PDB file of N, CA and C in Angstrom:
ATOM      1  N   MET A   1      19.970  44.977   9.343  1.00  0.00           N
ATOM      2  CA  MET A   1      19.738  44.165   9.091  1.00  0.00           C
ATOM      3  C   MET A   1      19.022  44.389   8.972  1.00  0.00           C
ATOM      4  N   LYS A   2      18.484  44.091   7.105  1.00  0.00           N
ATOM      5  CA  LYS A   2      16.549  44.154   6.225  1.00  0.00           C
ATOM      6  C   LYS A   2      16.945  42.898   5.917  1.00  0.00           C
ATOM      7  N   GLU A   3      16.033  42.473   6.291  1.00  0.00           N
ATOM      8  CA  GLU A   3      16.022  41.100   4.743  1.00  0.00           C
ATOM      9  C   GLU A   3      14.239  40.966   4.301  1.00  0.00           C
ATOM     10  N   GLN A   4      14.100  41.053   3.137  1.00  0.00           N
ATOM     11  CA  GLN A   4      12.438  40.680   2.605  1.00  0.00           C
ATOM     12  C   GLN A   4      12.052  38.824   2.846  1.00  0.00           C
ATOM     13  N   PHE A   5      11.059  38.665   2.750  1.00  0.00           N
ATOM     14  CA  PHE A   5      10.739  37.202   2.389  1.00  0.00           C
ATOM     15  C   PHE A   5       9.350  37.646   1.193  1.00  0.00           C
ATOM     16  N   PHE A   6       9.259  36.353   0.415  1.00  0.00           N
ATOM     17  CA  PHE A   6       8.316  36.343  -0.724  1.00  0.00           C
ATOM     18  C   PHE A   6       7.493  34.931   0.029  1.00  0.00           C
ATOM     19  N   ILE A   7       5.787  35.130   0.790  1.00  0.00           N
ATOM     20  CA  ILE A   7       5.583  33.541   0.786  1.00  0.00           C
ATOM     21  C   ILE A   7       4.745  33.764  -0.068  1.00  0.00           C
ATOM     22  N   ASP A   8       4.203  32.947  -0.673  1.00  0.00           N
ATOM     23  CA  ASP A   8       3.274  32.818  -1.062  1.00  0.00           C
ATOM     24  C   ASP A   8       1.463  31.268  -0.142  1.00  0.00           C
ATOM     25  N   ILE A   9       0.428  32.034  -0.288  1.00  0.00           N
ATOM     26  CA  ILE A   9      -0.095  31.670   0.834  1.00  0.00           C
ATOM     27  C   ILE A   9      -1.815  31.392   0.127  1.00  0.00           C
ATOM     28  N   GLU A  10      -2.068  30.472   0.430  1.00  0.00           N
ATOM     29  CA  GLU A  10      -3.904  30.330   0.205  1.00  0.00           C
ATOM     30  C   GLU A  10      -4.766  30.187   2.173  1.00  0.00           C
ATOM     31  N   VAL A  11      -5.784  30.787   1.901  1.00  0.00           N
ATOM     32  CA  VAL A  11      -6.461  31.173   2.727  1.00  0.00           C
ATOM     33  C   VAL A  11      -7.755  30.824   2.769  1.00  0.00           C
ATOM     34  N   SER A  12      -7.709  29.318   3.721  1.00  0.00           N
ATOM     35  CA  SER A  12      -9.125  28.834   4.345  1.00  0.00           C
ATOM     36  C   SER A  12      -9.912  29.593   5.108  1.00  0.00           C
ATOM     37  N   ASP A  13      -9.795  30.102   5.741  1.00  0.00           N
ATOM     38  CA  ASP A  13     -10.445  30.688   6.847  1.00  0.00           C
ATOM     39  C   ASP A  13     -10.493  32.410   6.769  1.00  0.00           C
ATOM     40  N   SER A  14      -9.192  32.662   7.595  1.00  0.00           N
ATOM     41  CA  SER A  14      -9.958  34.243   8.540  1.00  0.00           C
ATOM     42  C   SER A  14      -8.223  34.960   7.361  1.00  0.00           C
ATOM     43  N   LEU A  15      -8.380  35.646   6.533  1.00  0.00           N
ATOM     44  CA  LEU A  15      -7.188  35.746   6.129  1.00  0.00           C
ATOM     45  C   LEU A  15      -6.003  36.508   7.433  1.00  0.00           C
ATOM     46  N   SER A  16      -6.615  37.791   8.475  1.00  0.00           N
ATOM     47  CA  SER A  16      -5.961  38.634   9.374  1.00  0.00           C
ATOM     48  C   SER A  16      -5.129  37.620  10.288  1.00  0.00           C
ATOM     49  N   GLU A  17      -5.527  36.189  10.819  1.00  0.00           N
ATOM     50  CA  GLU A  17      -5.785  34.684  11.339  1.00  0.00           C
ATOM     51  C   GLU A  17      -4.501  34.479  10.775  1.00  0.00           C
ATOM     52  N   THR A  18      -4.259  34.210   9.355  1.00  0.00           N
ATOM     53  CA  THR A  18      -3.109  33.452   8.611  1.00  0.00           C
ATOM     54  C   THR A  18      -2.233  34.341   8.594  1.00  0.00           C
ATOM     55  N   LEU A  19      -2.491  35.216   8.692  1.00  0.00           N
ATOM     56  CA  LEU A  19      -1.174  36.550   8.606  1.00  0.00           C
ATOM     57  C   LEU A  19      -0.461  36.516   9.888  1.00  0.00           C
ATOM     58  N   GLN A  20      -1.225  36.808  10.499  1.00  0.00           N
ATOM     59  CA  GLN A  20      -1.273  36.682  12.570  1.00  0.00           C
ATOM     60  C   GLN A  20       0.058  35.730  12.483  1.00  0.00           C
ATOM     61  N   ASN A  21      -0.421  34.173  12.225  1.00  0.00           N
ATOM     62  CA  ASN A  21      -0.387  33.161  12.303  1.00  0.00           C
ATOM     63  C   ASN A  21       1.438  32.640  11.666  1.00  0.00           C
ATOM     64  N   LEU A  22       1.171  33.777  10.018  1.00  0.00           N
ATOM     65  CA  LEU A  22       2.647  33.535   9.626  1.00  0.00           C
ATOM     66  C   LEU A  22       3.661  34.840   9.756  1.00  0.00           C
ATOM     67  N   VAL A  23       3.479  35.327  10.694  1.00  0.00           N
ATOM     68  CA  VAL A  23       4.105  37.035  11.468  1.00  0.00           C
ATOM     69  C   VAL A  23       4.649  36.534  12.627  1.00  0.00           C
ATOM     70  N   ASP A  24       4.029  35.433  13.938  1.00  0.00           N
ATOM     71  CA  ASP A  24       4.481  34.963  14.861  1.00  0.00           C
ATOM     72  C   ASP A  24       5.022  34.029  14.774  1.00  0.00           C
ATOM     73  N   THR A  25       5.415  32.759  13.474  1.00  0.00           N
ATOM     74  CA  THR A  25       6.497  31.722  12.893  1.00  0.00           C
ATOM     75  C   THR A  25       7.759  32.257  12.618  1.00  0.00           C
ATOM     76  N   LYS A  26       7.858  33.435  11.935  1.00  0.00           N
ATOM     77  CA  LYS A  26       8.423  33.724  11.354  1.00  0.00           C
ATOM     78  C   LYS A  26       9.943  34.839  12.714  1.00  0.00           C
ATOM     79  N   ARG A  27       8.274  35.444  13.584  1.00  0.00           N
ATOM     80  CA  ARG A  27       9.507  35.510  14.912  1.00  0.00           C
ATOM     81  C   ARG A  27       9.718  34.766  16.217  1.00  0.00           C
ATOM     82  N   ALA A  28       9.658  33.626  15.446  1.00  0.00           N
ATOM     83  CA  ALA A  28       9.974  32.139  16.573  1.00  0.00           C
ATOM     84  C   ALA A  28      11.526  31.718  15.221  1.00  0.00           C
ATOM     85  N   GLU A  29      11.486  31.923  14.331  1.00  0.00           N
ATOM     86  CA  GLU A  29      12.646  31.608  13.835  1.00  0.00           C
ATOM     87  C   GLU A  29      13.607  32.697  13.615  1.00  0.00           C
ATOM     88  N   THR A  30      13.579  33.642  13.652  1.00  0.00           N
ATOM     89  CA  THR A  30      14.116  34.526  13.628  1.00  0.00           C
ATOM     90  C   THR A  30      14.722  35.092  15.183  1.00  0.00           C
ATOM     91  N   GLY A  31      13.763  34.690  16.271  1.00  0.00           N
ATOM     92  CA  GLY A  31      14.351  35.559  17.042  1.00  0.00           C
ATOM     93  C   GLY A  31      14.238  36.758  17.312  1.00  0.00           C
ATOM     94  N   SER A  32      13.478  37.263  16.205  1.00  0.00           N
ATOM     95  CA  SER A  32      12.871  39.098  16.672  1.00  0.00           C
ATOM     96  C   SER A  32      11.453  38.854  16.104  1.00  0.00           C
ATOM     97  N   HIS A  33      11.247  40.364  16.980  1.00  0.00           N
ATOM     98  CA  HIS A  33       9.920  40.847  17.075  1.00  0.00           C
ATOM     99  C   HIS A  33       9.649  41.406  15.954  1.00  0.00           C
ATOM    100  N   ASN A  34      10.761  42.176  15.647  1.00  0.00           N
ATOM    101  CA  ASN A  34      10.650  43.291  14.655  1.00  0.00           C
ATOM    102  C   ASN A  34      10.497  42.754  13.222  1.00  0.00           C
ATOM    103  N   VAL A  35       9.211  42.017  12.703  1.00  0.00           N
ATOM    104  CA  VAL A  35       8.939  41.518  11.905  1.00  0.00           C
ATOM    105  C   VAL A  35       7.639  42.044  11.319  1.00  0.00           C
ATOM    106  N   PHE A  36       7.658  42.524  10.444  1.00  0.00           N
ATOM    107  CA  PHE A  36       6.552  42.967   9.999  1.00  0.00           C
ATOM    108  C   PHE A  36       5.853  42.846   8.351  1.00  0.00           C
ATOM    109  N   ILE A  37       4.435  42.854   7.967  1.00  0.00           N
ATOM    110  CA  ILE A  37       4.104  42.510   6.909  1.00  0.00           C
ATOM    111  C   ILE A  37       4.301  44.180   5.929  1.00  0.00           C
ATOM    112  N   GLN A  38       5.129  43.728   4.432  1.00  0.00           N
ATOM    113  CA  GLN A  38       4.990  45.075   4.099  1.00  0.00           C
ATOM    114  C   GLN A  38       3.529  45.321   2.994  1.00  0.00           C
ATOM    115  N   ASN A  39       3.447  44.025   2.302  1.00  0.00           N
ATOM    116  CA  ASN A  39       2.756  44.134   1.745  1.00  0.00           C
ATOM    117  C   ASN A  39       2.385  42.688   1.240  1.00  0.00           C
ATOM    118  N   VAL A  40       0.627  42.830   0.708  1.00  0.00           N
ATOM    119  CA  VAL A  40      -0.372  41.783   0.801  1.00  0.00           C
ATOM    120  C   VAL A  40      -0.675  42.193  -0.843  1.00  0.00           C
ATOM    121  N   ILE A  41      -0.100  41.233  -1.597  1.00  0.00           N
ATOM    122  CA  ILE A  41      -0.968  41.273  -2.822  1.00  0.00           C
ATOM    123  C   ILE A  41      -1.419  39.894  -3.466  1.00  0.00           C
ATOM    124  N   PRO A  42      -3.172  40.302  -3.874  1.00  0.00           N
ATOM    125  CA  PRO A  42      -4.397  39.239  -4.171  1.00  0.00           C
ATOM    126  C   PRO A  42      -3.829  38.984  -5.624  1.00  0.00           C
ATOM    127  N   LEU A  43      -3.781  37.172  -5.955  1.00  0.00           N
ATOM    128  CA  LEU A  43      -3.653  36.493  -6.805  1.00  0.00           C
ATOM    129  C   LEU A  43      -4.077  35.628  -7.390  1.00  0.00           C
ATOM    130  N   GLY A  44      -5.850  36.369  -6.812  1.00  0.00           N
ATOM    131  CA  GLY A  44      -6.675  35.169  -6.528  1.00  0.00           C
ATOM    132  C   GLY A  44      -7.884  35.318  -5.294  1.00  0.00           C
ATOM    133  N   ASP A  45      -8.915  34.739  -5.505  1.00  0.00           N
ATOM    134  CA  ASP A  45      -9.698  34.761  -3.998  1.00  0.00           C
ATOM    135  C   ASP A  45      -8.884  34.290  -3.121  1.00  0.00           C
ATOM    136  N   ILE A  46      -8.605  33.483  -2.740  1.00  0.00           N
ATOM    137  CA  ILE A  46      -8.417  32.892  -1.862  1.00  0.00           C
ATOM    138  C   ILE A  46      -6.478  32.919  -1.618  1.00  0.00           C
ATOM    139  N   ARG A  47      -5.714  33.214  -2.646  1.00  0.00           N
ATOM    140  CA  ARG A  47      -4.361  33.357  -2.789  1.00  0.00           C
ATOM    141  C   ARG A  47      -4.104  34.141  -2.618  1.00  0.00           C
ATOM    142  N   PHE A  48      -2.842  35.182  -2.026  1.00  0.00           N
ATOM    143  CA  PHE A  48      -2.190  35.841  -2.000  1.00  0.00           C
ATOM    144  C   PHE A  48      -0.314  35.834  -1.785  1.00  0.00           C
ATOM    145  N   THR A  49       0.294  36.668  -2.308  1.00  0.00           N
ATOM    146  CA  THR A  49       1.774  36.780  -2.133  1.00  0.00           C
ATOM    147  C   THR A  49       1.705  37.746  -0.715  1.00  0.00           C
ATOM    148  N   VAL A  50       3.042  37.416   0.261  1.00  0.00           N
ATOM    149  CA  VAL A  50       2.797  38.418   1.542  1.00  0.00           C
ATOM    150  C   VAL A  50       4.234  38.526   1.273  1.00  0.00           C
ATOM    151  N   ILE A  51       5.298  40.033   1.481  1.00  0.00           N
ATOM    152  CA  ILE A  51       5.972  40.609   1.523  1.00  0.00           C
ATOM    153  C   ILE A  51       6.432  40.764   3.030  1.00  0.00           C
ATOM    154  N   LEU A  52       7.129  40.237   3.935  1.00  0.00           N
ATOM    155  CA  LEU A  52       7.117  40.231   4.908  1.00  0.00           C
ATOM    156  C   LEU A  52       8.329  41.247   5.105  1.00  0.00           C
ATOM    157  N   GLU A  53       8.760  41.341   6.172  1.00  0.00           N
ATOM    158  CA  GLU A  53      10.453  42.456   6.291  1.00  0.00           C
ATOM    159  C   GLU A  53      10.803  42.472   7.510  1.00  0.00           C
ATOM    160  N   VAL A  54      11.637  41.518   7.743  1.00  0.00           N
ATOM    161  CA  VAL A  54      12.502  41.150   8.895  1.00  0.00           C
ATOM    162  C   VAL A  54      13.214  41.849   9.664  1.00  0.00           C
ATOM    163  N   VAL A  55      13.703  42.973  10.353  1.00  0.00           N
ATOM    164  CA  VAL A  55      15.045  43.539  11.053  1.00  0.00           C
ATOM    165  C   VAL A  55      15.669  42.869  12.179  1.00  0.00           C
ATOM    166  N   GLN A  56      17.045  42.864  11.445  1.00  0.00           N
ATOM    167  CA  GLN A  56      17.666  42.215  13.038  1.00  0.00           C
ATOM    168  C   GLN A  56      18.707  42.875  13.341  1.00  0.00           C
ATOM    169  N   GLU A  57      18.743  43.699  14.541  1.00  0.00           N
ATOM    170  CA  GLU A  57      19.948  44.710  14.792  1.00  0.00           C
ATOM    171  C   GLU A  57      20.811  43.626  15.300  1.00  0.00           C
ATOM    172  N   ILE A  58      21.862  44.072  14.836  1.00  0.00           N
ATOM    173  CA  ILE A  58      23.399  43.538  15.446  1.00  0.00           C
ATOM    174  C   ILE A  58      24.091  43.948  16.830  1.00  0.00           C
ATOM    175  N   TYR A  59      24.592  43.855  17.675  1.00  0.00           N
ATOM    176  CA  TYR A  59      25.092  44.643  18.538  1.00  0.00           C
ATOM    177  C   TYR A  59      26.479  44.172  18.452  1.00  0.00           C
TER     178      TYR A  59
END
């Protein structure tokens, strides 16, 4: 099953660190390591919308 999450963020330090923290948090929440950043849309200097894709396999 695939799900998409749209998350608005503000970056104060590093965009890559912020994105990695976001992925790690979503992996912990869902219990799945199949969490990917599908797209990052800039909304200004420090604001972005991140589209995450989460794949959860049901056995």
